[in-house]
């Protein structure tokens, strides 16, 4: 599944959004969402307030790129799998486990931000809404990837259910992990367990 390379303008836009997202996450961790303003986030990120609002509607929205980053990584790993090379559940579990196993600094940083943001979201409905929206968008982007790996003739409803189950497996695992002080590596094991539990009876993952 090929994608068009991002232009220089798109890369700069993404970099600016990520700078703002990190600034928001830092301030939320220090002061909480209620104690943080959009102006303070923009100042911490080194951008004008108008630039902040060019990309985000409100301060909670600003962390969306961080929350989406992990899903983008594991979805890219899954998309790189060769259809039919291994059973679909194995390919899915492997991609999730590898993405959450902290193979590099970027993944470790992403998990640290996610833990802090999920803890902050417990007392902030607007921040929880951003988290749920990030998961919904990830589920929608996962469907075509699973459809390719499932092969021609796969039932679209089964593909949709599988995408929902896989997304919820990661969501529930990260929420449960964030409530503890467990090391990052345990997030991967928890996600794999949730995936097996949620997909155990699905036809799409059964031998054909």
C-alpha atoms as a PDB file:
ATOM      1  CA  UNK A   1       0.000   0.000   0.000  1.00  0.00           C
ATOM      2  CA  UNK A   2       1.994   2.971  -1.294  1.00  0.00           C
ATOM      3  CA  UNK A   3       1.519   6.548  -0.162  1.00  0.00           C
ATOM      4  CA  UNK A   4       2.713   9.787  -1.718  1.00  0.00           C
ATOM      5  CA  UNK A   5       5.746  11.228   0.114  1.00  0.00           C
ATOM      6  CA  UNK A   6       4.979  14.298   2.212  1.00  0.00           C
ATOM      7  CA  UNK A   7       6.033  17.635   0.729  1.00  0.00           C
ATOM      8  CA  UNK A   8       8.427  19.970   2.538  1.00  0.00           C
ATOM      9  CA  UNK A   9       5.479  22.179   3.495  1.00  0.00           C
ATOM     10  CA  UNK A  10       3.587  19.210   4.923  1.00  0.00           C
ATOM     11  CA  UNK A  11       6.642  18.090   6.907  1.00  0.00           C
ATOM     12  CA  UNK A  12       7.111  21.564   8.349  1.00  0.00           C
ATOM     13  CA  UNK A  13       3.442  21.737   9.268  1.00  0.00           C
ATOM     14  CA  UNK A  14       3.647  18.344  10.993  1.00  0.00           C
ATOM     15  CA  UNK A  15       6.804  19.405  12.858  1.00  0.00           C
ATOM     16  CA  UNK A  16       5.130  22.587  14.095  1.00  0.00           C
ATOM     17  CA  UNK A  17       2.070  20.656  15.221  1.00  0.00           C
ATOM     18  CA  UNK A  18       4.273  18.203  17.110  1.00  0.00           C
ATOM     19  CA  UNK A  19       6.184  21.036  18.787  1.00  0.00           C
ATOM     20  CA  UNK A  20       2.883  22.496  19.964  1.00  0.00           C
ATOM     21  CA  UNK A  21       1.669  19.072  21.081  1.00  0.00           C
ATOM     22  CA  UNK A  22       4.788  18.467  23.189  1.00  0.00           C
ATOM     23  CA  UNK A  23       4.506  21.919  24.739  1.00  0.00           C
ATOM     24  CA  UNK A  24       0.873  21.265  25.638  1.00  0.00           C
ATOM     25  CA  UNK A  25       1.706  17.876  27.138  1.00  0.00           C
ATOM     26  CA  UNK A  26       4.531  19.365  29.209  1.00  0.00           C
ATOM     27  CA  UNK A  27       2.290  22.115  30.569  1.00  0.00           C
ATOM     28  CA  UNK A  28      -0.570  19.722  31.268  1.00  0.00           C
ATOM     29  CA  UNK A  29       1.854  17.550  33.255  1.00  0.00           C
ATOM     30  CA  UNK A  30       3.139  20.565  35.200  1.00  0.00           C
ATOM     31  CA  UNK A  31      -0.112  22.451  35.811  1.00  0.00           C
ATOM     32  CA  UNK A  32      -2.984  20.311  34.581  1.00  0.00           C
ATOM     33  CA  UNK A  33      -5.285  21.284  31.683  1.00  0.00           C
ATOM     34  CA  UNK A  34      -7.243  23.719  33.877  1.00  0.00           C
ATOM     35  CA  UNK A  35      -4.068  25.552  34.818  1.00  0.00           C
ATOM     36  CA  UNK A  36      -2.847  25.890  31.248  1.00  0.00           C
ATOM     37  CA  UNK A  37      -3.868  28.405  28.574  1.00  0.00           C
ATOM     38  CA  UNK A  38      -3.479  28.302  24.812  1.00  0.00           C
ATOM     39  CA  UNK A  39      -1.274  31.386  25.062  1.00  0.00           C
ATOM     40  CA  UNK A  40       1.103  29.565  27.411  1.00  0.00           C
ATOM     41  CA  UNK A  41       1.260  26.562  25.090  1.00  0.00           C
ATOM     42  CA  UNK A  42       2.053  28.772  22.107  1.00  0.00           C
ATOM     43  CA  UNK A  43       4.761  30.574  24.077  1.00  0.00           C
ATOM     44  CA  UNK A  44       6.327  27.277  25.227  1.00  0.00           C
ATOM     45  CA  UNK A  45       6.292  25.990  21.631  1.00  0.00           C
ATOM     46  CA  UNK A  46       7.822  29.204  20.314  1.00  0.00           C
ATOM     47  CA  UNK A  47       4.952  30.063  17.980  1.00  0.00           C
ATOM     48  CA  UNK A  48       2.448  32.890  17.717  1.00  0.00           C
ATOM     49  CA  UNK A  49      -1.015  32.380  19.194  1.00  0.00           C
ATOM     50  CA  UNK A  50      -2.524  32.749  15.718  1.00  0.00           C
ATOM     51  CA  UNK A  51      -0.311  29.843  14.595  1.00  0.00           C
ATOM     52  CA  UNK A  52      -1.646  27.759  17.452  1.00  0.00           C
ATOM     53  CA  UNK A  53      -5.233  28.403  16.374  1.00  0.00           C
ATOM     54  CA  UNK A  54      -4.374  27.759  12.741  1.00  0.00           C
ATOM     55  CA  UNK A  55      -3.801  24.125  13.689  1.00  0.00           C
ATOM     56  CA  UNK A  56      -5.921  23.494  16.796  1.00  0.00           C
ATOM     57  CA  UNK A  57      -9.357  24.556  17.990  1.00  0.00           C
ATOM     58  CA  UNK A  58      -8.501  24.538  21.679  1.00  0.00           C
ATOM     59  CA  UNK A  59      -5.765  23.590  24.133  1.00  0.00           C
ATOM     60  CA  UNK A  60      -6.909  19.993  24.534  1.00  0.00           C
ATOM     61  CA  UNK A  61      -6.886  19.442  20.771  1.00  0.00           C
ATOM     62  CA  UNK A  62      -3.220  20.375  20.753  1.00  0.00           C
ATOM     63  CA  UNK A  63      -2.142  16.978  22.119  1.00  0.00           C
ATOM     64  CA  UNK A  64      -3.844  14.992  19.341  1.00  0.00           C
ATOM     65  CA  UNK A  65      -0.622  14.501  17.309  1.00  0.00           C
ATOM     66  CA  UNK A  66       1.063  12.883  20.304  1.00  0.00           C
ATOM     67  CA  UNK A  67      -1.861  10.558  20.948  1.00  0.00           C
ATOM     68  CA  UNK A  68      -2.001   9.552  17.293  1.00  0.00           C
ATOM     69  CA  UNK A  69       1.739   8.927  16.960  1.00  0.00           C
ATOM     70  CA  UNK A  70       1.789   5.434  18.446  1.00  0.00           C
ATOM     71  CA  UNK A  71      -1.138   4.282  16.322  1.00  0.00           C
ATOM     72  CA  UNK A  72       0.581   5.605  13.215  1.00  0.00           C
ATOM     73  CA  UNK A  73       3.711   3.583  14.035  1.00  0.00           C
ATOM     74  CA  UNK A  74       2.021   0.246  14.570  1.00  0.00           C
ATOM     75  CA  UNK A  75      -0.340   0.720  11.635  1.00  0.00           C
ATOM     76  CA  UNK A  76       2.664   1.384   9.391  1.00  0.00           C
ATOM     77  CA  UNK A  77       4.291  -1.818  10.629  1.00  0.00           C
ATOM     78  CA  UNK A  78       1.138  -3.749   9.888  1.00  0.00           C
ATOM     79  CA  UNK A  79       0.801  -2.221   6.415  1.00  0.00           C
ATOM     80  CA  UNK A  80       4.335  -3.388   5.623  1.00  0.00           C
ATOM     81  CA  UNK A  81       3.409  -7.039   6.278  1.00  0.00           C
ATOM     82  CA  UNK A  82       3.099  -9.311   3.274  1.00  0.00           C
ATOM     83  CA  UNK A  83      -0.495 -10.543   2.807  1.00  0.00           C
ATOM     84  CA  UNK A  84      -0.758 -14.235   3.592  1.00  0.00           C
ATOM     85  CA  UNK A  85       2.790 -14.560   4.938  1.00  0.00           C
ATOM     86  CA  UNK A  86       1.508 -15.194   8.460  1.00  0.00           C
ATOM     87  CA  UNK A  87      -1.990 -15.519   9.947  1.00  0.00           C
ATOM     88  CA  UNK A  88      -3.739 -12.176  10.230  1.00  0.00           C
ATOM     89  CA  UNK A  89      -3.999 -12.224  14.033  1.00  0.00           C
ATOM     90  CA  UNK A  90      -0.283 -13.000  14.290  1.00  0.00           C
ATOM     91  CA  UNK A  91       0.586 -10.112  11.959  1.00  0.00           C
ATOM     92  CA  UNK A  92      -1.638  -7.771  13.943  1.00  0.00           C
ATOM     93  CA  UNK A  93      -0.296  -8.848  17.325  1.00  0.00           C
ATOM     94  CA  UNK A  94       3.286  -8.680  16.117  1.00  0.00           C
ATOM     95  CA  UNK A  95       2.896  -5.142  14.788  1.00  0.00           C
ATOM     96  CA  UNK A  96       1.285  -3.921  18.006  1.00  0.00           C
ATOM     97  CA  UNK A  97       3.868  -5.621  20.213  1.00  0.00           C
ATOM     98  CA  UNK A  98       6.795  -4.276  18.202  1.00  0.00           C
ATOM     99  CA  UNK A  99       5.391  -0.739  18.189  1.00  0.00           C
ATOM    100  CA  UNK A 100       4.810  -0.746  21.963  1.00  0.00           C
ATOM    101  CA  UNK A 101       8.015  -2.539  22.946  1.00  0.00           C
ATOM    102  CA  UNK A 102       9.963   0.722  23.039  1.00  0.00           C
ATOM    103  CA  UNK A 103      12.490  -0.147  20.303  1.00  0.00           C
ATOM    104  CA  UNK A 104      13.667   3.461  20.081  1.00  0.00           C
ATOM    105  CA  UNK A 105      13.623   6.779  21.903  1.00  0.00           C
ATOM    106  CA  UNK A 106      10.670   8.099  19.953  1.00  0.00           C
ATOM    107  CA  UNK A 107       8.432   5.219  21.012  1.00  0.00           C
ATOM    108  CA  UNK A 108       9.541   5.510  24.645  1.00  0.00           C
ATOM    109  CA  UNK A 109       8.830   9.225  24.635  1.00  0.00           C
ATOM    110  CA  UNK A 110       5.421   8.621  23.074  1.00  0.00           C
ATOM    111  CA  UNK A 111       4.468   6.179  25.816  1.00  0.00           C
ATOM    112  CA  UNK A 112       5.585   8.607  28.519  1.00  0.00           C
ATOM    113  CA  UNK A 113       3.454  11.359  27.021  1.00  0.00           C
ATOM    114  CA  UNK A 114       0.511   8.989  26.639  1.00  0.00           C
ATOM    115  CA  UNK A 115       0.662   7.937  30.281  1.00  0.00           C
ATOM    116  CA  UNK A 116       0.714  11.530  31.472  1.00  0.00           C
ATOM    117  CA  UNK A 117      -2.070  12.615  29.160  1.00  0.00           C
ATOM    118  CA  UNK A 118      -4.320   9.695  30.051  1.00  0.00           C
ATOM    119  CA  UNK A 119      -3.871  10.470  33.720  1.00  0.00           C
ATOM    120  CA  UNK A 120      -4.709  14.120  33.077  1.00  0.00           C
ATOM    121  CA  UNK A 121      -7.713  13.085  30.980  1.00  0.00           C
ATOM    122  CA  UNK A 122      -9.257  11.332  33.986  1.00  0.00           C
ATOM    123  CA  UNK A 123     -10.324  14.744  35.279  1.00  0.00           C
ATOM    124  CA  UNK A 124     -10.819  16.560  31.987  1.00  0.00           C
ATOM    125  CA  UNK A 125     -13.752  15.570  29.720  1.00  0.00           C
ATOM    126  CA  UNK A 126     -12.438  17.626  26.801  1.00  0.00           C
ATOM    127  CA  UNK A 127      -9.093  15.836  26.928  1.00  0.00           C
ATOM    128  CA  UNK A 128     -10.847  12.457  27.106  1.00  0.00           C
ATOM    129  CA  UNK A 129     -12.818  13.438  23.999  1.00  0.00           C
ATOM    130  CA  UNK A 130      -9.553  14.064  22.130  1.00  0.00           C
ATOM    131  CA  UNK A 131      -8.319  10.612  23.171  1.00  0.00           C
ATOM    132  CA  UNK A 132     -11.507   8.917  22.013  1.00  0.00           C
ATOM    133  CA  UNK A 133     -11.449  10.812  18.732  1.00  0.00           C
ATOM    134  CA  UNK A 134      -7.843   9.763  18.122  1.00  0.00           C
ATOM    135  CA  UNK A 135      -8.881   6.141  18.595  1.00  0.00           C
ATOM    136  CA  UNK A 136     -11.864   6.491  16.285  1.00  0.00           C
ATOM    137  CA  UNK A 137      -9.702   7.995  13.553  1.00  0.00           C
ATOM    138  CA  UNK A 138      -7.128   5.238  14.018  1.00  0.00           C
ATOM    139  CA  UNK A 139      -9.842   2.599  13.655  1.00  0.00           C
ATOM    140  CA  UNK A 140     -11.021   4.131  10.385  1.00  0.00           C
ATOM    141  CA  UNK A 141      -7.472   4.205   8.993  1.00  0.00           C
ATOM    142  CA  UNK A 142      -6.914   0.617  10.059  1.00  0.00           C
ATOM    143  CA  UNK A 143      -9.800  -0.782   8.005  1.00  0.00           C
ATOM    144  CA  UNK A 144      -8.189  -0.547   4.556  1.00  0.00           C
ATOM    145  CA  UNK A 145      -4.926  -1.981   5.927  1.00  0.00           C
ATOM    146  CA  UNK A 146      -6.755  -5.002   7.348  1.00  0.00           C
ATOM    147  CA  UNK A 147      -8.793  -5.371   4.165  1.00  0.00           C
ATOM    148  CA  UNK A 148      -5.599  -5.764   2.116  1.00  0.00           C
ATOM    149  CA  UNK A 149      -4.118  -8.290   4.545  1.00  0.00           C
ATOM    150  CA  UNK A 150      -7.387 -10.232   4.790  1.00  0.00           C
ATOM    151  CA  UNK A 151      -7.407 -10.691   1.012  1.00  0.00           C
ATOM    152  CA  UNK A 152     -10.060 -10.587  -1.649  1.00  0.00           C
ATOM    153  CA  UNK A 153     -13.449 -11.843  -0.595  1.00  0.00           C
ATOM    154  CA  UNK A 154     -13.097 -10.804   3.046  1.00  0.00           C
ATOM    155  CA  UNK A 155     -16.417  -9.755   4.550  1.00  0.00           C
ATOM    156  CA  UNK A 156     -16.332  -5.933   5.007  1.00  0.00           C
ATOM    157  CA  UNK A 157     -18.261  -6.281   8.262  1.00  0.00           C
ATOM    158  CA  UNK A 158     -15.688  -8.728   9.624  1.00  0.00           C
ATOM    159  CA  UNK A 159     -12.896  -6.348   8.626  1.00  0.00           C
ATOM    160  CA  UNK A 160     -14.677  -3.486  10.365  1.00  0.00           C
ATOM    161  CA  UNK A 161     -15.196  -5.546  13.521  1.00  0.00           C
ATOM    162  CA  UNK A 162     -11.549  -6.567  13.507  1.00  0.00           C
ATOM    163  CA  UNK A 163     -10.425  -2.951  13.200  1.00  0.00           C
ATOM    164  CA  UNK A 164     -12.682  -1.957  16.084  1.00  0.00           C
ATOM    165  CA  UNK A 165     -11.448  -4.825  18.258  1.00  0.00           C
ATOM    166  CA  UNK A 166      -7.772  -4.127  17.546  1.00  0.00           C
ATOM    167  CA  UNK A 167      -8.175  -0.417  18.258  1.00  0.00           C
ATOM    168  CA  UNK A 168     -10.075  -1.053  21.479  1.00  0.00           C
ATOM    169  CA  UNK A 169      -7.493  -3.616  22.566  1.00  0.00           C
ATOM    170  CA  UNK A 170      -4.780  -0.979  22.441  1.00  0.00           C
ATOM    171  CA  UNK A 171      -6.990   1.710  23.978  1.00  0.00           C
ATOM    172  CA  UNK A 172      -8.009  -0.427  26.944  1.00  0.00           C
ATOM    173  CA  UNK A 173      -4.461  -1.702  27.432  1.00  0.00           C
ATOM    174  CA  UNK A 174      -2.959   1.783  27.464  1.00  0.00           C
ATOM    175  CA  UNK A 175      -5.646   3.122  29.789  1.00  0.00           C
ATOM    176  CA  UNK A 176      -5.073   0.250  32.230  1.00  0.00           C
ATOM    177  CA  UNK A 177      -1.290   0.592  31.965  1.00  0.00           C
ATOM    178  CA  UNK A 178      -1.415   4.372  32.500  1.00  0.00           C
ATOM    179  CA  UNK A 179      -3.174   3.859  35.821  1.00  0.00           C
ATOM    180  CA  UNK A 180      -0.105   2.007  37.116  1.00  0.00           C
ATOM    181  CA  UNK A 181       3.610   2.664  37.382  1.00  0.00           C
ATOM    182  CA  UNK A 182       4.452  -0.421  35.324  1.00  0.00           C
ATOM    183  CA  UNK A 183       7.397  -0.092  32.904  1.00  0.00           C
ATOM    184  CA  UNK A 184       6.668   0.662  29.237  1.00  0.00           C
ATOM    185  CA  UNK A 185       7.378  -2.920  28.191  1.00  0.00           C
ATOM    186  CA  UNK A 186       4.289  -4.085  30.069  1.00  0.00           C
ATOM    187  CA  UNK A 187       2.062  -1.987  27.817  1.00  0.00           C
ATOM    188  CA  UNK A 188       2.948  -4.244  24.878  1.00  0.00           C
ATOM    189  CA  UNK A 189       2.144  -7.444  26.780  1.00  0.00           C
ATOM    190  CA  UNK A 190      -1.144  -6.002  28.001  1.00  0.00           C
ATOM    191  CA  UNK A 191      -2.125  -4.921  24.491  1.00  0.00           C
ATOM    192  CA  UNK A 192      -1.391  -8.385  23.108  1.00  0.00           C
ATOM    193  CA  UNK A 193      -3.514  -9.949  25.842  1.00  0.00           C
ATOM    194  CA  UNK A 194      -6.419  -7.584  25.143  1.00  0.00           C
ATOM    195  CA  UNK A 195      -6.173  -8.315  21.421  1.00  0.00           C
ATOM    196  CA  UNK A 196      -6.394 -12.076  21.984  1.00  0.00           C
ATOM    197  CA  UNK A 197      -9.352 -11.668  24.327  1.00  0.00           C
ATOM    198  CA  UNK A 198     -11.300  -9.393  21.963  1.00  0.00           C
ATOM    199  CA  UNK A 199     -10.629 -11.290  18.736  1.00  0.00           C
ATOM    200  CA  UNK A 200     -10.858 -14.847  20.064  1.00  0.00           C
ATOM    201  CA  UNK A 201     -14.195 -15.654  18.422  1.00  0.00           C
ATOM    202  CA  UNK A 202     -13.894 -13.591  15.240  1.00  0.00           C
ATOM    203  CA  UNK A 203     -14.338 -15.426  11.939  1.00  0.00           C
ATOM    204  CA  UNK A 204     -11.791 -13.233  10.181  1.00  0.00           C
ATOM    205  CA  UNK A 205      -9.053 -14.682  12.392  1.00  0.00           C
ATOM    206  CA  UNK A 206     -10.220 -18.293  12.154  1.00  0.00           C
ATOM    207  CA  UNK A 207      -8.462 -20.787   9.853  1.00  0.00           C
ATOM    208  CA  UNK A 208     -10.269 -20.965   6.525  1.00  0.00           C
END
